[in-house]
Amino acid sequence: MAVRKVRGGRKNVGTNQVESHFFNIELCKQCPLREGCYKDGAKSKSYSISLKSREHSEQCEYEQTDDFKDHRRK
């Protein structure tokens, strides 16, 4: 449903890229799920997601393992 999608930031620099989605306000006004998402009188609607690098993703997965949890307790 996004009208436009933009990826910001630079690759392989040490900071994560951000992907931004822009939405049509006219569709948001009619959406039954607009409570908590769309604010009356808004001129635009966007949603940004931070894209994790491979190293960050691997670290997040490792932190969910029992081995890491045992190591952290010590």
Protein backbone atom coordinates (compact mmCIF):
# COMPACT_ATOMS: atom_id res chain seq x y z
CA MET A 1 0.00 0.00 0.00
CA ALA A 2 3.03 2.27 0.12
CA VAL A 3 3.12 4.95 -2.58
CA ARG A 4 6.89 5.35 -2.42
CA LYS A 5 9.76 3.43 -0.84
CA VAL A 6 13.18 5.01 -0.19
CA ARG A 7 16.36 3.49 1.20
CA GLY A 8 18.62 5.98 2.99
CA GLY A 9 22.13 5.75 4.29
CA ARG A 10 25.25 4.29 2.72
CA LYS A 11 26.19 0.64 2.35
CA ASN A 12 29.17 -0.85 4.21
CA VAL A 13 29.99 2.28 6.19
CA GLY A 14 29.37 1.13 9.76
CA THR A 15 25.87 2.52 10.20
CA ASN A 16 22.67 0.75 9.29
CA GLN A 17 20.56 1.80 6.34
CA VAL A 18 16.98 2.97 6.82
CA GLU A 19 14.09 2.02 4.57
CA SER A 20 11.23 4.55 4.58
CA HIS A 21 7.73 3.87 3.27
CA PHE A 22 5.42 6.76 2.35
CA PHE A 23 1.64 6.31 2.25
CA ASN A 24 -1.27 8.06 0.55
CA ILE A 25 -3.20 10.05 3.18
CA GLU A 26 -6.52 9.59 1.34
CA LEU A 27 -6.24 5.82 1.79
CA CYS A 28 -5.29 6.26 5.45
CA LYS A 29 -8.42 8.36 6.11
CA GLN A 30 -10.64 5.48 4.92
CA CYS A 31 -8.71 2.63 6.55
CA PRO A 32 -10.59 0.79 9.35
CA LEU A 33 -7.26 0.26 11.20
CA ARG A 34 -6.32 3.97 11.34
CA GLU A 35 -6.74 4.23 15.15
CA GLY A 36 -3.28 4.82 16.60
CA CYS A 37 -1.73 5.02 13.13
CA TYR A 38 -3.23 8.02 11.33
CA LYS A 39 -3.65 11.39 13.06
CA ASP A 40 -6.37 13.74 11.79
CA GLY A 41 -4.97 16.71 9.91
CA ALA A 42 -1.69 15.02 9.00
CA LYS A 43 -0.20 16.07 5.66
CA SER A 44 1.85 12.91 5.16
CA LYS A 45 2.30 9.42 6.57
CA SER A 46 5.60 7.58 6.63
CA TYR A 47 7.08 4.55 8.37
CA SER A 48 10.81 3.89 8.72
CA ILE A 49 12.57 0.59 9.36
CA SER A 50 16.22 0.23 10.33
CA LEU A 51 17.86 -2.48 8.21
CA LYS A 52 20.27 -4.53 10.27
CA SER A 53 23.60 -5.53 8.83
CA ARG A 54 24.52 -9.21 8.65
CA GLU A 55 26.76 -8.88 11.72
CA HIS A 56 23.98 -7.31 13.79
CA SER A 57 21.52 -9.99 12.71
CA GLU A 58 23.93 -12.77 13.67
CA GLN A 59 24.57 -11.13 17.06
CA CYS A 60 20.83 -10.86 17.76
CA GLU A 61 20.37 -14.54 16.91
CA TYR A 62 23.31 -15.51 19.16
CA GLU A 63 21.87 -13.54 22.09
CA GLN A 64 18.70 -15.66 21.91
CA THR A 65 20.60 -18.95 22.44
CA ASP A 66 20.86 -20.79 25.76
CA ASP A 67 24.68 -20.69 25.51
CA PHE A 68 24.67 -16.88 25.57
CA LYS A 69 22.14 -16.75 28.41
CA ASP A 70 24.33 -19.07 30.55
CA HIS A 71 27.42 -16.99 29.74
CA ARG A 72 25.61 -13.77 30.66
CA ARG A 73 24.56 -15.16 34.06
CA LYS A 74 28.20 -15.85 34.95
